[in-house]
Amino acid sequence: MTPESEGRAAAEEFRVAHHLGVQPLGDLVAIIEQVTGIDVSVVDVGPDEHGLTMRDPVRDAVFIAVARTDRPMRQRSTLAHELAHVVFEDRGVSDDELGTRPPAEIRADAFARHLLVPVEGLPVRFGGHRAAAPSLLSDVVQRYLVSPAVATIALHQAGLIDLDTKAEWMTMTTPVLAARHGWSDQYRALADESDRRRAPQRLLTRAIDGYLAGVVSVAAIARLRGLPADVVEREFVAAGLTPHDQGEIGWVSARSVPVAGITPAELDADFPEGAPG
């Protein structure tokens, strides 16, 4: 099998195994965490970093981290790409010194595309679409929340556009499509969401349990979320979340604690075996 066919087959199997059908996937972070048990985090990293997968063999844990970015479609592709490395149990995969992508990276790209846009679902939804026009591309990008390039490849594989149209559409960008076809407000909302730090939900749930038990401070939870402690404190008050025994954590003032980030170095310290993708 080629890397393309391997990636497609694995993506189709993943959707079947987790009862995802051929519908668009919503919050990809939540879906990955809920159906696989993998912890996912959105973190601050350098401009050239997009995502990585880390494994802790001692705790038999897998952790996916992706970069904060105002390009939401890229972030979703990165998440799906890193999930592919977990599915295929890839380790230490990266481009070579000449920038050539190894088969495992090509396979992960294919998995990501087919997970995000199941080709078999496109003719059902868009087979009766008017003649191939940028509005078709816009509809697929908006519905599946993928880049125009990913959508274009899927449309061509589904037999809905020809090679000339594919070549033309591969150069289009999401902001331009959104502006032209009236969904810029949605795109800005997506960009705002993808440009925020996000801690793994299971970790936050355990931390909030500890807060309610009076053994974890608001400051610790704020650090996990990358927010000012007083913002988290107000959120908890509004939600009626009150520790059973506030004396345990009364030594710290929420407003006195600075916002602290989680760096890739800190993540590596917790997960010694890195597998960047």
C-alpha atoms as a PDB file:
ATOM      1  CA  MET A   1       0.000   0.000   0.000  1.00  0.00           C
ATOM      2  CA  THR A   2       1.100   3.569  -0.605  1.00  0.00           C
ATOM      3  CA  PRO A   3       1.315   6.114   2.242  1.00  0.00           C
ATOM      4  CA  GLU A   4      -1.799   7.775   0.760  1.00  0.00           C
ATOM      5  CA  SER A   5      -3.842   4.570   0.766  1.00  0.00           C
ATOM      6  CA  GLU A   6      -2.599   3.585   4.224  1.00  0.00           C
ATOM      7  CA  GLY A   7      -3.560   6.968   5.621  1.00  0.00           C
ATOM      8  CA  ARG A   8      -6.983   6.884   4.003  1.00  0.00           C
ATOM      9  CA  ALA A   9      -7.713   3.347   5.207  1.00  0.00           C
ATOM     10  CA  ALA A  10      -6.695   4.180   8.769  1.00  0.00           C
ATOM     11  CA  ALA A  11      -8.810   7.350   8.792  1.00  0.00           C
ATOM     12  CA  GLU A  12     -11.835   5.428   7.547  1.00  0.00           C
ATOM     13  CA  GLU A  13     -11.258   2.737  10.182  1.00  0.00           C
ATOM     14  CA  PHE A  14     -10.930   5.392  12.886  1.00  0.00           C
ATOM     15  CA  ARG A  15     -14.267   6.951  11.936  1.00  0.00           C
ATOM     16  CA  VAL A  16     -15.978   3.553  11.870  1.00  0.00           C
ATOM     17  CA  ALA A  17     -14.452   2.408  15.170  1.00  0.00           C
ATOM     18  CA  HIS A  18     -15.570   5.569  16.934  1.00  0.00           C
ATOM     19  CA  HIS A  19     -18.981   5.887  15.245  1.00  0.00           C
ATOM     20  CA  LEU A  20     -18.142   9.202  13.586  1.00  0.00           C
ATOM     21  CA  GLY A  21     -19.849   8.456  10.268  1.00  0.00           C
ATOM     22  CA  VAL A  22     -18.982  10.744   7.371  1.00  0.00           C
ATOM     23  CA  GLN A  23     -20.207  13.950   8.954  1.00  0.00           C
ATOM     24  CA  PRO A  24     -17.973  16.977   9.659  1.00  0.00           C
ATOM     25  CA  LEU A  25     -16.099  16.799  12.956  1.00  0.00           C
ATOM     26  CA  GLY A  26     -16.750  19.633  15.378  1.00  0.00           C
ATOM     27  CA  ASP A  27     -14.389  20.431  18.264  1.00  0.00           C
ATOM     28  CA  LEU A  28     -11.474  18.210  17.274  1.00  0.00           C
ATOM     29  CA  VAL A  29      -9.656  18.605  20.592  1.00  0.00           C
ATOM     30  CA  ALA A  30     -12.711  17.351  22.493  1.00  0.00           C
ATOM     31  CA  ILE A  31     -13.338  14.528  20.023  1.00  0.00           C
ATOM     32  CA  ILE A  32      -9.774  13.220  20.300  1.00  0.00           C
ATOM     33  CA  GLU A  33      -9.832  13.414  24.094  1.00  0.00           C
ATOM     34  CA  GLN A  34     -13.246  11.756  24.395  1.00  0.00           C
ATOM     35  CA  VAL A  35     -12.851   8.892  21.930  1.00  0.00           C
ATOM     36  CA  THR A  36      -9.178   8.044  22.499  1.00  0.00           C
ATOM     37  CA  GLY A  37      -8.416   9.129  26.055  1.00  0.00           C
ATOM     38  CA  ILE A  38      -5.384  11.062  24.788  1.00  0.00           C
ATOM     39  CA  ASP A  39      -4.682  14.359  26.541  1.00  0.00           C
ATOM     40  CA  VAL A  40      -4.537  17.314  24.148  1.00  0.00           C
ATOM     41  CA  SER A  41      -3.223  20.783  24.871  1.00  0.00           C
ATOM     42  CA  VAL A  42      -2.999  24.027  22.901  1.00  0.00           C
ATOM     43  CA  VAL A  43       0.201  25.792  23.958  1.00  0.00           C
ATOM     44  CA  ASP A  44       2.473  28.749  23.253  1.00  0.00           C
ATOM     45  CA  VAL A  45       5.362  27.702  21.006  1.00  0.00           C
ATOM     46  CA  GLY A  46       7.703  29.247  18.475  1.00  0.00           C
ATOM     47  CA  PRO A  47       6.481  30.447  15.075  1.00  0.00           C
ATOM     48  CA  ASP A  48       7.896  27.412  13.247  1.00  0.00           C
ATOM     49  CA  GLU A  49       6.363  24.826  15.578  1.00  0.00           C
ATOM     50  CA  HIS A  50       2.930  23.383  14.816  1.00  0.00           C
ATOM     51  CA  GLY A  51       2.472  20.220  16.848  1.00  0.00           C
ATOM     52  CA  LEU A  52       4.102  17.225  18.473  1.00  0.00           C
ATOM     53  CA  THR A  53       3.212  13.942  20.087  1.00  0.00           C
ATOM     54  CA  MET A  54       4.860  12.789  23.299  1.00  0.00           C
ATOM     55  CA  ARG A  55       4.827   9.409  24.980  1.00  0.00           C
ATOM     56  CA  ASP A  56       5.556   8.486  28.569  1.00  0.00           C
ATOM     57  CA  PRO A  57       6.318   4.742  28.632  1.00  0.00           C
ATOM     58  CA  VAL A  58       6.379   4.702  32.439  1.00  0.00           C
ATOM     59  CA  ARG A  59       2.795   5.894  32.774  1.00  0.00           C
ATOM     60  CA  ASP A  60       1.735   4.491  29.382  1.00  0.00           C
ATOM     61  CA  ALA A  61       0.464   7.969  28.514  1.00  0.00           C
ATOM     62  CA  VAL A  62       0.245   9.843  25.232  1.00  0.00           C
ATOM     63  CA  PHE A  63       0.048  13.603  24.974  1.00  0.00           C
ATOM     64  CA  ILE A  64      -0.619  15.739  21.887  1.00  0.00           C
ATOM     65  CA  ALA A  65       0.323  19.406  21.904  1.00  0.00           C
ATOM     66  CA  VAL A  66      -0.452  21.888  19.144  1.00  0.00           C
ATOM     67  CA  ALA A  67       0.428  25.532  18.747  1.00  0.00           C
ATOM     68  CA  ARG A  68      -1.838  28.448  19.399  1.00  0.00           C
ATOM     69  CA  THR A  69      -2.556  30.074  16.069  1.00  0.00           C
ATOM     70  CA  ASP A  70      -5.017  32.407  14.385  1.00  0.00           C
ATOM     71  CA  ARG A  71      -5.209  29.916  11.512  1.00  0.00           C
ATOM     72  CA  PRO A  72      -7.882  27.502  12.766  1.00  0.00           C
ATOM     73  CA  MET A  73      -7.921  25.209   9.727  1.00  0.00           C
ATOM     74  CA  ARG A  74      -4.177  24.651  10.027  1.00  0.00           C
ATOM     75  CA  GLN A  75      -4.558  23.811  13.720  1.00  0.00           C
ATOM     76  CA  ARG A  76      -7.216  21.197  12.944  1.00  0.00           C
ATOM     77  CA  SER A  77      -4.996  19.620  10.284  1.00  0.00           C
ATOM     78  CA  THR A  78      -2.102  19.563  12.754  1.00  0.00           C
ATOM     79  CA  LEU A  79      -4.262  17.850  15.383  1.00  0.00           C
ATOM     80  CA  ALA A  80      -5.369  15.193  12.899  1.00  0.00           C
ATOM     81  CA  HIS A  81      -1.789  14.770  11.662  1.00  0.00           C
ATOM     82  CA  GLU A  82      -0.488  14.197  15.191  1.00  0.00           C
ATOM     83  CA  LEU A  83      -3.327  11.765  15.870  1.00  0.00           C
ATOM     84  CA  ALA A  84      -2.097   9.795  12.866  1.00  0.00           C
ATOM     85  CA  HIS A  85       1.335   9.429  14.474  1.00  0.00           C
ATOM     86  CA  VAL A  86      -0.412   7.952  17.533  1.00  0.00           C
ATOM     87  CA  VAL A  87      -2.550   5.595  15.452  1.00  0.00           C
ATOM     88  CA  PHE A  88       0.479   4.329  13.520  1.00  0.00           C
ATOM     89  CA  GLU A  89       2.747   4.404  16.598  1.00  0.00           C
ATOM     90  CA  ASP A  90       5.301   6.533  14.747  1.00  0.00           C
ATOM     91  CA  ARG A  91       8.359   7.666  16.672  1.00  0.00           C
ATOM     92  CA  GLY A  92      10.969  10.274  15.908  1.00  0.00           C
ATOM     93  CA  VAL A  93       9.543  11.147  12.481  1.00  0.00           C
ATOM     94  CA  SER A  94      10.666  14.369  10.807  1.00  0.00           C
ATOM     95  CA  ASP A  95      11.705  15.722   7.423  1.00  0.00           C
ATOM     96  CA  ASP A  96      15.271  14.956   6.389  1.00  0.00           C
ATOM     97  CA  GLU A  97      17.987  17.570   5.911  1.00  0.00           C
ATOM     98  CA  LEU A  98      16.876  18.215   2.331  1.00  0.00           C
ATOM     99  CA  GLY A  99      13.292  18.806   3.421  1.00  0.00           C
ATOM    100  CA  THR A 100      12.036  15.572   1.880  1.00  0.00           C
ATOM    101  CA  ARG A 101       8.982  14.215   3.647  1.00  0.00           C
ATOM    102  CA  PRO A 102       9.384  10.573   4.692  1.00  0.00           C
ATOM    103  CA  PRO A 103       6.557   8.067   4.054  1.00  0.00           C
ATOM    104  CA  ALA A 104       5.324   8.303   7.663  1.00  0.00           C
ATOM    105  CA  GLU A 105       4.770  12.058   7.275  1.00  0.00           C
ATOM    106  CA  ILE A 106       3.000  11.630   3.927  1.00  0.00           C
ATOM    107  CA  ARG A 107       0.845   8.935   5.514  1.00  0.00           C
ATOM    108  CA  ALA A 108      -0.007  11.222   8.448  1.00  0.00           C
ATOM    109  CA  ASP A 109      -0.959  13.998   6.003  1.00  0.00           C
ATOM    110  CA  ALA A 110      -3.272  11.598   4.175  1.00  0.00           C
ATOM    111  CA  PHE A 111      -4.818  10.374   7.426  1.00  0.00           C
ATOM    112  CA  ALA A 112      -5.512  13.969   8.467  1.00  0.00           C
ATOM    113  CA  ARG A 113      -7.168  14.859   5.164  1.00  0.00           C
ATOM    114  CA  HIS A 114      -9.379  11.790   5.066  1.00  0.00           C
ATOM    115  CA  LEU A 115     -10.298  12.053   8.742  1.00  0.00           C
ATOM    116  CA  LEU A 116     -11.367  15.676   8.365  1.00  0.00           C
ATOM    117  CA  VAL A 117     -13.059  15.309   4.953  1.00  0.00           C
ATOM    118  CA  PRO A 118     -14.302  11.768   4.196  1.00  0.00           C
ATOM    119  CA  VAL A 119     -14.262  11.610   0.402  1.00  0.00           C
ATOM    120  CA  GLU A 120     -17.184   9.190   0.310  1.00  0.00           C
ATOM    121  CA  GLY A 121     -19.421  11.752   2.006  1.00  0.00           C
ATOM    122  CA  LEU A 122     -18.852  14.559  -0.502  1.00  0.00           C
ATOM    123  CA  PRO A 123     -20.939  13.250  -3.441  1.00  0.00           C
ATOM    124  CA  VAL A 124     -23.902  12.749  -1.088  1.00  0.00           C
ATOM    125  CA  ARG A 125     -23.712  16.289   0.240  1.00  0.00           C
ATOM    126  CA  PHE A 126     -22.370  18.171  -2.786  1.00  0.00           C
ATOM    127  CA  GLY A 127     -23.051  15.905  -5.786  1.00  0.00           C
ATOM    128  CA  GLY A 128     -26.024  18.037  -6.807  1.00  0.00           C
ATOM    129  CA  HIS A 129     -24.103  21.273  -6.338  1.00  0.00           C
ATOM    130  CA  ARG A 130     -24.158  23.831  -9.096  1.00  0.00           C
ATOM    131  CA  ALA A 131     -21.262  23.806 -11.584  1.00  0.00           C
ATOM    132  CA  ALA A 132     -17.817  23.785 -10.018  1.00  0.00           C
ATOM    133  CA  ALA A 133     -17.308  27.339  -8.788  1.00  0.00           C
ATOM    134  CA  PRO A 134     -15.476  28.863  -5.842  1.00  0.00           C
ATOM    135  CA  SER A 135     -18.765  28.795  -3.926  1.00  0.00           C
ATOM    136  CA  LEU A 136     -18.528  24.979  -3.889  1.00  0.00           C
ATOM    137  CA  LEU A 137     -15.042  25.169  -2.413  1.00  0.00           C
ATOM    138  CA  SER A 138     -16.235  27.728   0.131  1.00  0.00           C
ATOM    139  CA  ASP A 139     -19.104  25.452   1.195  1.00  0.00           C
ATOM    140  CA  VAL A 140     -16.753  22.502   1.775  1.00  0.00           C
ATOM    141  CA  VAL A 141     -14.181  24.617   3.653  1.00  0.00           C
ATOM    142  CA  GLN A 142     -16.879  26.140   5.872  1.00  0.00           C
ATOM    143  CA  ARG A 143     -18.708  22.879   6.515  1.00  0.00           C
ATOM    144  CA  TYR A 144     -15.679  20.705   7.273  1.00  0.00           C
ATOM    145  CA  LEU A 145     -13.460  23.466   8.718  1.00  0.00           C
ATOM    146  CA  VAL A 146     -10.452  22.588   6.595  1.00  0.00           C
ATOM    147  CA  SER A 147      -8.077  24.591   4.423  1.00  0.00           C
ATOM    148  CA  PRO A 148      -8.942  25.196   0.764  1.00  0.00           C
ATOM    149  CA  ALA A 149      -6.052  22.918  -0.215  1.00  0.00           C
ATOM    150  CA  VAL A 150      -7.406  19.998   1.845  1.00  0.00           C
ATOM    151  CA  ALA A 151     -10.922  20.607   0.540  1.00  0.00           C
ATOM    152  CA  THR A 152      -9.702  20.837  -3.053  1.00  0.00           C
ATOM    153  CA  ILE A 153      -7.826  17.534  -2.890  1.00  0.00           C
ATOM    154  CA  ALA A 154     -10.903  15.842  -1.423  1.00  0.00           C
ATOM    155  CA  LEU A 155     -13.206  17.302  -4.092  1.00  0.00           C
ATOM    156  CA  HIS A 156     -10.892  16.056  -6.812  1.00  0.00           C
ATOM    157  CA  GLN A 157     -10.635  12.584  -5.280  1.00  0.00           C
ATOM    158  CA  ALA A 158     -14.443  12.503  -5.081  1.00  0.00           C
ATOM    159  CA  GLY A 159     -14.644  13.258  -8.806  1.00  0.00           C
ATOM    160  CA  LEU A 160     -16.418  16.580  -8.300  1.00  0.00           C
ATOM    161  CA  ILE A 161     -13.765  18.798  -9.910  1.00  0.00           C
ATOM    162  CA  ASP A 162     -11.215  18.300 -12.689  1.00  0.00           C
ATOM    163  CA  LEU A 163      -7.436  18.758 -12.618  1.00  0.00           C
ATOM    164  CA  ASP A 164      -7.534  22.315 -13.973  1.00  0.00           C
ATOM    165  CA  THR A 165      -9.979  23.398 -11.286  1.00  0.00           C
ATOM    166  CA  LYS A 166      -7.887  21.636  -8.663  1.00  0.00           C
ATOM    167  CA  ALA A 167      -4.762  23.523  -9.737  1.00  0.00           C
ATOM    168  CA  GLU A 168      -6.642  26.839  -9.589  1.00  0.00           C
ATOM    169  CA  TRP A 169      -8.279  26.249  -6.200  1.00  0.00           C
ATOM    170  CA  MET A 170      -5.145  24.978  -4.453  1.00  0.00           C
ATOM    171  CA  THR A 171      -3.889  28.571  -4.253  1.00  0.00           C
ATOM    172  CA  MET A 172      -7.001  30.002  -2.567  1.00  0.00           C
ATOM    173  CA  THR A 173      -7.061  30.998   1.103  1.00  0.00           C
ATOM    174  CA  THR A 174      -9.700  30.666   3.789  1.00  0.00           C
ATOM    175  CA  PRO A 175      -9.914  34.396   4.691  1.00  0.00           C
ATOM    176  CA  VAL A 176     -10.565  35.276   1.037  1.00  0.00           C
ATOM    177  CA  LEU A 177     -13.260  32.614   0.665  1.00  0.00           C
ATOM    178  CA  ALA A 178     -14.882  33.657   3.936  1.00  0.00           C
ATOM    179  CA  ALA A 179     -14.889  37.331   2.946  1.00  0.00           C
ATOM    180  CA  ARG A 180     -16.302  36.634  -0.517  1.00  0.00           C
ATOM    181  CA  HIS A 181     -19.006  34.208   0.597  1.00  0.00           C
ATOM    182  CA  GLY A 182     -20.245  35.924   3.734  1.00  0.00           C
ATOM    183  CA  TRP A 183     -18.847  33.952   6.657  1.00  0.00           C
ATOM    184  CA  SER A 184     -16.017  36.180   7.842  1.00  0.00           C
ATOM    185  CA  ASP A 185     -17.670  36.542  11.259  1.00  0.00           C
ATOM    186  CA  GLN A 186     -17.598  32.768  11.722  1.00  0.00           C
ATOM    187  CA  TYR A 187     -13.984  32.626  10.574  1.00  0.00           C
ATOM    188  CA  ARG A 188     -12.949  35.325  13.047  1.00  0.00           C
ATOM    189  CA  ALA A 189     -14.673  33.410  15.855  1.00  0.00           C
ATOM    190  CA  LEU A 190     -12.815  30.239  14.843  1.00  0.00           C
ATOM    191  CA  ALA A 191      -9.522  32.149  14.716  1.00  0.00           C
ATOM    192  CA  ASP A 192     -10.108  33.623  18.173  1.00  0.00           C
ATOM    193  CA  GLU A 193     -10.794  30.153  19.573  1.00  0.00           C
ATOM    194  CA  SER A 194      -7.741  28.505  17.994  1.00  0.00           C
ATOM    195  CA  ASP A 195      -5.491  31.324  19.231  1.00  0.00           C
ATOM    196  CA  ARG A 196      -6.194  30.571  22.890  1.00  0.00           C
ATOM    197  CA  ARG A 197      -4.290  28.262  25.179  1.00  0.00           C
ATOM    198  CA  ARG A 198      -6.165  25.162  26.221  1.00  0.00           C
ATOM    199  CA  ALA A 199      -5.288  22.606  28.867  1.00  0.00           C
ATOM    200  CA  PRO A 200      -6.260  18.922  28.690  1.00  0.00           C
ATOM    201  CA  GLN A 201      -9.828  18.523  29.919  1.00  0.00           C
ATOM    202  CA  ARG A 202      -9.139  15.510  32.129  1.00  0.00           C
ATOM    203  CA  LEU A 203      -6.322  17.357  33.855  1.00  0.00           C
ATOM    204  CA  LEU A 204      -8.539  20.390  34.441  1.00  0.00           C
ATOM    205  CA  THR A 205     -11.354  18.219  35.740  1.00  0.00           C
ATOM    206  CA  ARG A 206      -9.044  16.636  38.299  1.00  0.00           C
ATOM    207  CA  ALA A 207      -7.688  20.045  39.266  1.00  0.00           C
ATOM    208  CA  ILE A 208     -11.204  21.428  39.767  1.00  0.00           C
ATOM    209  CA  ASP A 209     -12.092  18.380  41.865  1.00  0.00           C
ATOM    210  CA  GLY A 210      -9.054  19.219  43.993  1.00  0.00           C
ATOM    211  CA  TYR A 211     -10.153  22.851  44.218  1.00  0.00           C
ATOM    212  CA  LEU A 212     -13.607  21.831  45.443  1.00  0.00           C
ATOM    213  CA  ALA A 213     -11.945  19.536  47.979  1.00  0.00           C
ATOM    214  CA  GLY A 214      -9.888  22.482  49.222  1.00  0.00           C
ATOM    215  CA  VAL A 215      -6.475  21.145  48.212  1.00  0.00           C
ATOM    216  CA  VAL A 216      -5.807  22.947  44.907  1.00  0.00           C
ATOM    217  CA  SER A 217      -5.652  26.713  44.570  1.00  0.00           C
ATOM    218  CA  VAL A 218      -7.285  28.933  41.996  1.00  0.00           C
ATOM    219  CA  ALA A 219      -3.763  30.031  41.085  1.00  0.00           C
ATOM    220  CA  ALA A 220      -2.794  26.481  40.085  1.00  0.00           C
ATOM    221  CA  ILE A 221      -5.850  26.128  37.856  1.00  0.00           C
ATOM    222  CA  ALA A 222      -5.220  29.556  36.339  1.00  0.00           C
ATOM    223  CA  ARG A 223      -1.673  28.472  35.496  1.00  0.00           C
ATOM    224  CA  LEU A 224      -2.980  25.410  33.682  1.00  0.00           C
ATOM    225  CA  ARG A 225      -5.360  27.534  31.636  1.00  0.00           C
ATOM    226  CA  GLY A 226      -2.963  30.400  30.992  1.00  0.00           C
ATOM    227  CA  LEU A 227      -5.369  32.933  32.469  1.00  0.00           C
ATOM    228  CA  PRO A 228      -5.098  35.533  35.234  1.00  0.00           C
ATOM    229  CA  ALA A 229      -6.099  33.951  38.528  1.00  0.00           C
ATOM    230  CA  ASP A 230      -8.726  36.587  39.258  1.00  0.00           C
ATOM    231  CA  VAL A 231     -10.477  35.756  35.966  1.00  0.00           C
ATOM    232  CA  VAL A 232     -10.727  32.085  36.953  1.00  0.00           C
ATOM    233  CA  GLU A 233     -11.813  33.071  40.453  1.00  0.00           C
ATOM    234  CA  ARG A 234     -14.680  35.181  39.100  1.00  0.00           C
ATOM    235  CA  GLU A 235     -15.680  32.351  36.756  1.00  0.00           C
ATOM    236  CA  PHE A 236     -15.859  29.908  39.661  1.00  0.00           C
ATOM    237  CA  VAL A 237     -17.864  32.322  41.795  1.00  0.00           C
ATOM    238  CA  ALA A 238     -20.361  32.848  38.968  1.00  0.00           C
ATOM    239  CA  ALA A 239     -20.666  29.054  38.553  1.00  0.00           C
ATOM    240  CA  GLY A 240     -21.135  28.530  42.291  1.00  0.00           C
ATOM    241  CA  LEU A 241     -17.929  26.520  42.648  1.00  0.00           C
ATOM    242  CA  THR A 242     -16.760  26.880  46.230  1.00  0.00           C
ATOM    243  CA  PRO A 243     -14.118  24.807  48.050  1.00  0.00           C
ATOM    244  CA  HIS A 244     -15.365  22.742  50.963  1.00  0.00           C
ATOM    245  CA  ASP A 245     -12.546  24.094  53.103  1.00  0.00           C
ATOM    246  CA  GLN A 246     -11.079  27.366  51.900  1.00  0.00           C
ATOM    247  CA  GLY A 247      -8.608  27.461  54.775  1.00  0.00           C
ATOM    248  CA  GLU A 248      -6.360  25.021  52.916  1.00  0.00           C
ATOM    249  CA  ILE A 249      -5.716  27.508  50.106  1.00  0.00           C
ATOM    250  CA  GLY A 250      -6.328  30.816  51.810  1.00  0.00           C
ATOM    251  CA  TRP A 251      -2.620  31.603  51.934  1.00  0.00           C
ATOM    252  CA  VAL A 252      -2.599  32.738  48.298  1.00  0.00           C
ATOM    253  CA  SER A 253      -4.348  35.732  46.766  1.00  0.00           C
ATOM    254  CA  ALA A 254      -5.566  35.185  43.223  1.00  0.00           C
ATOM    255  CA  ARG A 255      -4.659  38.724  42.206  1.00  0.00           C
ATOM    256  CA  SER A 256      -1.099  38.334  43.460  1.00  0.00           C
ATOM    257  CA  VAL A 257      -0.189  35.478  41.125  1.00  0.00           C
ATOM    258  CA  PRO A 258       1.212  36.313  37.644  1.00  0.00           C
ATOM    259  CA  VAL A 259       0.116  34.459  34.540  1.00  0.00           C
ATOM    260  CA  ALA A 260       2.608  31.707  33.748  1.00  0.00           C
ATOM    261  CA  GLY A 261       2.945  29.778  30.523  1.00  0.00           C
ATOM    262  CA  ILE A 262       3.638  26.140  29.831  1.00  0.00           C
ATOM    263  CA  THR A 263       6.657  25.789  27.587  1.00  0.00           C
ATOM    264  CA  PRO A 264       7.676  22.876  25.356  1.00  0.00           C
ATOM    265  CA  ALA A 265      10.640  22.339  27.667  1.00  0.00           C
ATOM    266  CA  GLU A 266       8.277  21.831  30.605  1.00  0.00           C
ATOM    267  CA  LEU A 267       6.234  19.374  28.573  1.00  0.00           C
ATOM    268  CA  ASP A 268       9.367  17.456  27.611  1.00  0.00           C
ATOM    269  CA  ALA A 269      10.297  17.239  31.273  1.00  0.00           C
ATOM    270  CA  ASP A 270       7.043  15.394  31.954  1.00  0.00           C
ATOM    271  CA  PHE A 271       7.131  13.288  28.799  1.00  0.00           C
ATOM    272  CA  PRO A 272      10.725  12.200  28.204  1.00  0.00           C
ATOM    273  CA  GLU A 273      10.242  10.426  24.894  1.00  0.00           C
ATOM    274  CA  GLY A 274       9.288  13.005  22.273  1.00  0.00           C
ATOM    275  CA  ALA A 275       7.961  12.230  18.827  1.00  0.00           C
ATOM    276  CA  PRO A 276       7.530  15.499  16.973  1.00  0.00           C
ATOM    277  CA  GLY A 277       5.438  15.432  13.822  1.00  0.00           C
END
